Amino acid sequence: MNLDVLKATALEMVSDNRGLLAADESTGTIKKRFDTINVESTEDKRRDYREMLFRAEGLGQFISGTILFDETLRQSAKDGTRLADLLKSQNIIPGIKVDTGAKPLAGSEGETVTEGLDGLTERVAEYVGLGARFAKWRAVINIADDKPTDYAIRVNAHGLARYARICQEGGLVPIVEPEVLMDGSHEIDACKAATERTLNAVFEELFQQGVVLEGMILKPNMVISGSDCSAQADADTIARMTVETLRRCVPAAVPGIMFLSGGQTEEEATINLNAMNQKYGPQPWALSYSYGRALQAGALKAWVGKDENEGAAQEVLLTRSRANSAACAGKAA
């Protein structure tokens, strides 16, 4: 474990008001995205779409790293350039999703545990060889009448910490992603309570397993109302309650907190991040973004699988990325 390299990479990921582009959709998930624009999800089309995103000129001004799916890290562009090298040419760090997905948790109906620890040490070594410098593992926490259970929180926290330690030992900065889902009709107070329970358990496990906090990134949900809740909290409330929760739960040694968008619209994800940095910054850690749909949704609609639309789609991606970079400084319009 080269701690100096891990620390430097983690700091680079949150430097200069930049964030992450999450382009690690699994084959099944990106098919659902392509279905919305009536494009068949073939290996070549997936390559073309991601190549289009990565070639957006100037993207590295706003994006410090991109999370890739296994297939994408191995792919080359039409001209033979490896997609990972396209990113590097824009000063964007390639990263890799290493979990194998959330599966039903035995003994707790309606809750899940994320799998993928088997063989992870060997996969990390291979991914480092392919150019990756950081990794991502997502745990999913549901809110319902009797959920989340302590059991589900503990099992997922343990898995996140094991993954993080393996990654650091192998030379990858781990992104620790405990996502409390916004699905449901719960009010924002329920999300806050579940998020605090989850983060406290995660950091307890990280400490127990010897994960170096200076060499990791946290990717949490924002504290937000359930998507079906009739009382939707405004941006000021989301910002205040999210920052309060993080200050209670996240050690100052962590270099950066890079929020997931979690089903928010593109505009909501930017507005809420901006409110945090504008009203409550600076904090001990950088408050940034690691968005998938909240960066890609508009670009995907502009592209619709046609080469002639690449320029327009890239401009949409750059516009969203620029806005979120400004939100890191609390200066989004």
Protein backbone atom coordinates (compact mmCIF):
# COMPACT_ATOMS: atom_id res chain seq x y z
CA MET A 1 0.00 0.00 0.00
CA ASN A 2 1.58 3.29 -1.15
CA LEU A 3 -0.21 5.77 1.09
CA ASP A 4 1.32 8.83 -0.56
CA VAL A 5 -0.04 7.81 -3.95
CA LEU A 6 -3.49 6.99 -2.56
CA LYS A 7 -3.69 10.32 -0.73
CA ALA A 8 -2.53 12.27 -3.78
CA THR A 9 -5.09 10.56 -6.02
CA ALA A 10 -7.95 11.18 -3.58
CA LEU A 11 -7.02 14.86 -3.35
CA GLU A 12 -6.75 15.10 -7.14
CA MET A 13 -10.27 13.70 -7.46
CA VAL A 14 -11.72 16.67 -5.56
CA SER A 15 -9.31 19.33 -6.78
CA ASP A 16 -10.20 22.57 -8.57
CA ASN A 17 -13.97 22.25 -8.02
CA ARG A 18 -14.12 19.15 -10.20
CA GLY A 19 -16.28 16.07 -9.79
CA LEU A 20 -16.80 12.59 -11.20
CA LEU A 21 -18.73 11.37 -14.22
CA ALA A 22 -20.36 8.06 -13.30
CA ALA A 23 -20.40 6.10 -16.57
CA ASP A 24 -20.36 2.68 -14.94
CA GLU A 25 -23.86 1.53 -15.86
CA SER A 26 -24.03 -2.23 -16.16
CA THR A 27 -25.02 -3.76 -19.48
CA GLY A 28 -28.57 -4.20 -18.20
CA THR A 29 -28.85 -0.64 -16.90
CA ILE A 30 -27.50 1.04 -20.01
CA LYS A 31 -29.94 -1.02 -22.07
CA LYS A 32 -32.76 0.61 -20.11
CA ARG A 33 -31.25 4.03 -20.85
CA PHE A 34 -30.93 3.21 -24.56
CA ASP A 35 -34.50 1.89 -24.64
CA THR A 36 -35.71 5.41 -23.77
CA ILE A 37 -34.15 6.72 -27.00
CA ASN A 38 -34.96 3.63 -29.10
CA VAL A 39 -31.32 2.62 -29.60
CA GLU A 40 -30.26 -1.02 -29.51
CA SER A 41 -27.70 -1.72 -26.78
CA THR A 42 -24.89 -3.43 -28.68
CA GLU A 43 -21.25 -3.48 -27.61
CA ASP A 44 -20.38 -1.06 -30.42
CA LYS A 45 -23.19 1.34 -29.56
CA ARG A 46 -22.20 1.36 -25.90
CA ARG A 47 -18.63 2.07 -27.01
CA ASP A 48 -19.75 4.85 -29.35
CA TYR A 49 -21.84 6.53 -26.66
CA ARG A 50 -19.12 6.53 -24.06
CA GLU A 51 -16.47 7.55 -26.58
CA MET A 52 -18.67 10.51 -27.46
CA LEU A 53 -18.85 11.54 -23.80
CA PHE A 54 -15.12 11.14 -23.20
CA ARG A 55 -14.18 13.17 -26.31
CA ALA A 56 -16.12 16.26 -25.20
CA GLU A 57 -13.42 18.91 -25.55
CA GLY A 58 -12.53 20.56 -22.27
CA LEU A 59 -14.36 18.03 -20.10
CA GLY A 60 -11.32 17.73 -17.83
CA GLN A 61 -11.87 21.31 -16.63
CA PHE A 62 -14.91 20.10 -14.72
CA ILE A 63 -14.48 16.32 -14.40
CA SER A 64 -11.55 14.86 -12.44
CA GLY A 65 -12.40 11.19 -12.92
CA THR A 66 -14.80 8.82 -14.63
CA ILE A 67 -16.16 5.60 -13.15
CA LEU A 68 -16.17 2.87 -15.79
CA PHE A 69 -17.84 -0.50 -16.20
CA ASP A 70 -15.59 -3.52 -16.76
CA GLU A 71 -16.45 -3.65 -20.47
CA THR A 72 -15.62 0.02 -20.98
CA LEU A 73 -12.20 -0.13 -19.30
CA ARG A 74 -11.25 -2.83 -21.82
CA GLN A 75 -12.65 -1.08 -24.91
CA SER A 76 -10.92 1.01 -27.56
CA ALA A 77 -12.33 3.89 -29.57
CA LYS A 78 -13.06 3.65 -33.28
CA ASP A 79 -9.53 4.86 -34.07
CA GLY A 80 -7.97 2.24 -31.80
CA THR A 81 -7.23 4.52 -28.84
CA ARG A 82 -8.11 2.88 -25.53
CA LEU A 83 -11.04 4.67 -23.89
CA ALA A 84 -9.04 4.90 -20.66
CA ASP A 85 -6.31 6.73 -22.60
CA LEU A 86 -8.89 9.14 -24.04
CA LEU A 87 -9.76 10.10 -20.49
CA LYS A 88 -6.11 10.47 -19.48
CA SER A 89 -5.54 12.82 -22.43
CA GLN A 90 -8.11 15.14 -20.86
CA ASN A 91 -6.50 14.90 -17.41
CA ILE A 92 -9.37 12.66 -16.25
CA ILE A 93 -8.58 9.71 -13.97
CA PRO A 94 -10.05 6.34 -15.02
CA GLY A 95 -11.88 4.45 -12.26
CA ILE A 96 -13.74 1.15 -12.13
CA LYS A 97 -16.91 -0.28 -10.58
CA VAL A 98 -15.90 -3.49 -8.81
CA ASP A 99 -19.04 -4.72 -7.03
CA THR A 100 -21.29 -7.28 -8.71
CA GLY A 101 -24.56 -5.76 -7.56
CA ALA A 102 -27.02 -5.79 -4.69
CA LYS A 103 -28.61 -9.18 -4.01
CA PRO A 104 -31.43 -10.17 -1.59
CA LEU A 105 -30.19 -10.29 1.99
CA ALA A 106 -30.88 -13.66 3.62
CA GLY A 107 -32.98 -13.22 6.74
CA SER A 108 -34.35 -9.78 5.92
CA GLU A 109 -37.02 -9.55 3.26
CA GLY A 110 -36.89 -6.36 1.21
CA GLU A 111 -33.25 -5.59 2.02
CA THR A 112 -30.08 -6.30 0.05
CA VAL A 113 -26.37 -6.92 0.44
CA THR A 114 -23.83 -6.01 -2.21
CA GLU A 115 -21.66 -8.83 -3.50
CA GLY A 116 -18.32 -8.99 -5.29
CA LEU A 117 -15.66 -9.66 -2.66
CA ASP A 118 -14.75 -13.08 -4.08
CA GLY A 119 -11.70 -12.68 -6.30
CA LEU A 120 -11.55 -8.94 -5.70
CA THR A 121 -7.83 -8.90 -4.90
CA GLU A 122 -7.02 -10.41 -8.29
CA ARG A 123 -9.46 -8.13 -10.12
CA VAL A 124 -7.99 -5.05 -8.46
CA ALA A 125 -4.53 -6.07 -9.69
CA GLU A 126 -5.88 -6.51 -13.22
CA TYR A 127 -7.70 -3.17 -13.17
CA VAL A 128 -4.57 -1.37 -11.99
CA GLY A 129 -2.80 -2.93 -14.96
CA LEU A 130 -5.54 -1.59 -17.25
CA GLY A 131 -5.02 1.94 -15.98
CA ALA A 132 -7.60 2.37 -13.22
CA ARG A 133 -6.60 4.48 -10.20
CA PHE A 134 -9.77 4.33 -8.12
CA ALA A 135 -12.72 1.98 -7.59
CA LYS A 136 -16.36 2.13 -6.58
CA TRP A 137 -18.61 -0.16 -4.52
CA ARG A 138 -22.27 0.69 -3.90
CA ALA A 139 -24.30 -0.53 -0.95
CA VAL A 140 -28.06 0.04 -0.98
CA ILE A 141 -30.10 0.90 2.10
CA ASN A 142 -33.90 0.97 1.90
CA ILE A 143 -36.28 3.03 4.04
CA ALA A 144 -39.66 1.50 4.92
CA ASP A 145 -41.84 1.08 8.01
CA ASP A 146 -39.38 -1.23 9.77
CA LYS A 147 -36.33 -0.54 7.63
CA PRO A 148 -33.43 -0.16 7.48
CA THR A 149 -32.65 -2.87 10.01
CA ASP A 150 -29.43 -2.77 11.98
CA TYR A 151 -28.63 -6.13 10.40
CA ALA A 152 -28.73 -4.76 6.84
CA ILE A 153 -26.74 -1.68 7.78
CA ARG A 154 -24.05 -3.74 9.53
CA VAL A 155 -23.70 -6.32 6.78
CA ASN A 156 -23.35 -3.65 4.10
CA ALA A 157 -20.96 -1.55 6.19
CA HIS A 158 -18.76 -4.61 6.71
CA GLY A 159 -18.70 -5.31 2.97
CA LEU A 160 -17.84 -1.69 2.13
CA ALA A 161 -14.94 -1.73 4.56
CA ARG A 162 -13.58 -5.07 3.29
CA TYR A 163 -13.74 -3.78 -0.27
CA ALA A 164 -12.03 -0.52 0.73
CA ARG A 165 -9.17 -2.28 2.48
CA ILE A 166 -8.61 -4.66 -0.45
CA CYS A 167 -8.56 -1.73 -2.89
CA GLN A 168 -6.07 0.26 -0.84
CA GLU A 169 -3.81 -2.76 -0.48
CA GLY A 170 -3.91 -3.18 -4.27
CA GLY A 171 -3.30 0.49 -5.11
CA LEU A 172 -6.81 1.81 -5.85
CA VAL A 173 -8.51 4.66 -4.02
CA PRO A 174 -11.87 3.25 -2.86
CA ILE A 175 -15.04 5.24 -3.30
CA VAL A 176 -17.22 4.12 -0.40
CA GLU A 177 -20.86 4.46 -1.51
CA PRO A 178 -23.55 3.75 1.07
CA GLU A 179 -26.73 4.90 -0.68
CA VAL A 180 -29.86 5.44 1.39
CA LEU A 181 -32.45 5.31 -1.37
CA MET A 182 -34.87 8.17 -1.93
CA ASP A 183 -37.52 5.67 -3.10
CA GLY A 184 -40.60 5.81 -0.88
CA SER A 185 -43.00 8.22 0.77
CA HIS A 186 -40.88 8.97 3.85
CA GLU A 187 -40.20 12.52 4.99
CA ILE A 188 -36.74 14.03 5.12
CA ASP A 189 -36.33 13.34 8.86
CA ALA A 190 -36.49 9.59 8.16
CA CYS A 191 -33.76 9.92 5.54
CA LYS A 192 -31.61 11.89 7.97
CA ALA A 193 -31.97 9.26 10.71
CA ALA A 194 -31.22 6.37 8.33
CA THR A 195 -28.25 8.18 6.82
CA GLU A 196 -26.72 8.90 10.23
CA ARG A 197 -27.13 5.27 11.31
CA THR A 198 -25.56 4.08 8.10
CA LEU A 199 -22.60 6.45 8.09
CA ASN A 200 -21.82 5.76 11.74
CA ALA A 201 -21.75 2.01 11.04
CA VAL A 202 -19.65 2.46 7.90
CA PHE A 203 -16.96 4.52 9.60
CA GLU A 204 -16.85 2.16 12.55
CA GLU A 205 -16.13 -0.71 10.15
CA LEU A 206 -13.60 1.33 8.17
CA PHE A 207 -11.74 2.01 11.41
CA GLN A 208 -11.91 -1.61 12.55
CA GLN A 209 -10.52 -2.84 9.24
CA GLY A 210 -7.69 -0.33 9.05
CA VAL A 211 -8.84 1.69 6.04
CA VAL A 212 -6.79 4.88 5.65
CA LEU A 213 -9.35 7.68 5.57
CA GLU A 214 -7.01 10.10 3.79
CA GLY A 215 -6.87 7.66 0.86
CA MET A 216 -10.61 7.20 0.23
CA ILE A 217 -13.61 9.14 -1.03
CA LEU A 218 -17.14 9.00 0.43
CA LYS A 219 -20.05 8.91 -2.02
CA PRO A 220 -23.25 9.29 0.02
CA ASN A 221 -26.80 10.28 -0.72
CA MET A 222 -28.00 13.75 0.12
CA VAL A 223 -30.47 13.96 3.01
CA ILE A 224 -33.63 14.37 1.01
CA SER A 225 -37.36 13.66 1.07
CA GLY A 226 -38.64 10.36 -0.31
CA SER A 227 -39.52 10.61 -3.99
CA ASP A 228 -43.21 9.93 -3.26
CA CYS A 229 -43.41 12.16 -0.18
CA SER A 230 -46.10 14.85 -0.40
CA ALA A 231 -43.90 17.28 1.58
CA GLN A 232 -40.77 17.83 -0.51
CA ALA A 233 -38.02 19.68 1.34
CA ASP A 234 -36.52 22.71 -0.40
CA ALA A 235 -32.87 23.13 -1.31
CA ASP A 236 -32.04 25.15 1.81
CA THR A 237 -33.43 22.43 4.07
CA ILE A 238 -31.68 19.67 2.13
CA ALA A 239 -28.38 21.56 2.36
CA ARG A 240 -28.68 22.27 6.07
CA MET A 241 -29.71 18.76 7.08
CA THR A 242 -27.16 17.07 4.81
CA VAL A 243 -24.24 19.13 6.09
CA GLU A 244 -25.38 18.65 9.69
CA THR A 245 -25.47 14.88 9.21
CA LEU A 246 -22.06 14.78 7.56
CA ARG A 247 -20.47 16.91 10.28
CA ARG A 248 -21.79 14.46 12.86
CA CYS A 249 -20.64 11.34 11.07
CA VAL A 250 -17.71 11.92 8.70
CA PRO A 251 -14.17 12.39 10.07
CA ALA A 252 -12.26 15.43 8.87
CA ALA A 253 -9.49 13.16 7.54
CA VAL A 254 -11.65 12.18 4.54
CA PRO A 255 -10.52 14.38 1.61
CA GLY A 256 -13.82 14.58 -0.22
CA ILE A 257 -17.52 13.81 -0.22
CA MET A 258 -18.80 13.31 -3.74
CA PHE A 259 -22.58 13.01 -3.72
CA LEU A 260 -24.60 10.63 -5.84
CA SER A 261 -27.61 12.16 -7.53
CA GLY A 262 -29.87 9.26 -6.56
CA GLY A 263 -32.79 9.97 -8.84
CA GLN A 264 -32.78 13.76 -8.59
CA THR A 265 -33.22 15.69 -11.82
CA GLU A 266 -30.19 17.29 -13.39
CA GLU A 267 -31.23 20.69 -12.10
CA GLU A 268 -32.08 19.52 -8.57
CA ALA A 269 -28.72 17.80 -8.14
CA THR A 270 -26.91 21.03 -9.09
CA ILE A 271 -29.11 23.33 -7.01
CA ASN A 272 -28.79 21.22 -3.86
CA LEU A 273 -25.00 20.89 -4.16
CA ASN A 274 -24.71 24.63 -4.76
CA ALA A 275 -26.78 25.42 -1.66
CA MET A 276 -24.46 23.34 0.52
CA ASN A 277 -21.30 25.06 -0.69
CA GLN A 278 -22.81 28.53 -0.88
CA LYS A 279 -24.35 28.56 2.59
CA TYR A 280 -22.25 26.07 4.56
CA GLY A 281 -18.81 26.01 2.97
CA PRO A 282 -16.01 25.50 3.48
CA GLN A 283 -16.14 22.24 5.43
CA PRO A 284 -13.27 19.93 6.48
CA TRP A 285 -13.84 17.91 3.31
CA ALA A 286 -14.58 19.06 -0.22
CA LEU A 287 -18.27 18.76 -1.17
CA SER A 288 -18.44 17.65 -4.78
CA TYR A 289 -20.38 15.38 -7.14
CA SER A 290 -20.26 11.93 -8.66
CA TYR A 291 -23.27 11.99 -10.96
CA GLY A 292 -24.53 9.56 -13.57
CA ARG A 293 -27.98 10.43 -14.82
CA ALA A 294 -27.67 14.00 -13.51
CA LEU A 295 -24.83 14.56 -15.99
CA GLN A 296 -25.86 12.23 -18.81
CA ALA A 297 -29.64 12.44 -19.15
CA GLY A 298 -29.73 15.48 -21.40
CA ALA A 299 -26.73 14.35 -23.43
CA LEU A 300 -28.32 10.96 -24.06
CA LYS A 301 -31.51 12.60 -25.37
CA ALA A 302 -29.50 14.89 -27.63
CA TRP A 303 -27.42 12.02 -29.02
CA VAL A 304 -30.16 9.43 -29.78
CA GLY A 305 -27.54 7.13 -31.31
CA LYS A 306 -26.66 9.36 -34.28
CA ASP A 307 -23.13 10.44 -35.19
CA GLU A 308 -24.33 13.82 -36.44
CA ASN A 309 -25.66 14.63 -32.97
CA GLU A 310 -22.39 14.05 -31.12
CA GLY A 311 -21.43 17.72 -30.97
CA ALA A 312 -24.79 18.78 -29.56
CA ALA A 313 -24.73 15.97 -26.99
CA GLN A 314 -21.21 16.88 -25.91
CA GLU A 315 -22.27 20.49 -25.41
CA VAL A 316 -25.12 19.37 -23.14
CA LEU A 317 -22.67 17.29 -21.09
CA LEU A 318 -20.25 20.21 -20.84
CA THR A 319 -23.05 22.56 -19.76
CA ARG A 320 -24.13 20.24 -16.95
CA SER A 321 -20.54 19.58 -15.89
CA ARG A 322 -19.74 23.30 -15.86
CA ALA A 323 -22.80 24.01 -13.72
CA ASN A 324 -21.87 21.34 -11.17
CA SER A 325 -18.28 22.54 -11.03
CA ALA A 326 -19.64 26.01 -10.24
CA ALA A 327 -21.85 24.43 -7.56
CA CYS A 328 -18.70 23.04 -5.89
CA ALA A 329 -17.69 26.66 -5.40
CA GLY A 330 -21.22 27.75 -4.42
CA LYS A 331 -21.38 29.88 -7.53
CA ALA A 332 -23.89 28.08 -9.75
CA ALA A 333 -26.32 30.44 -11.48
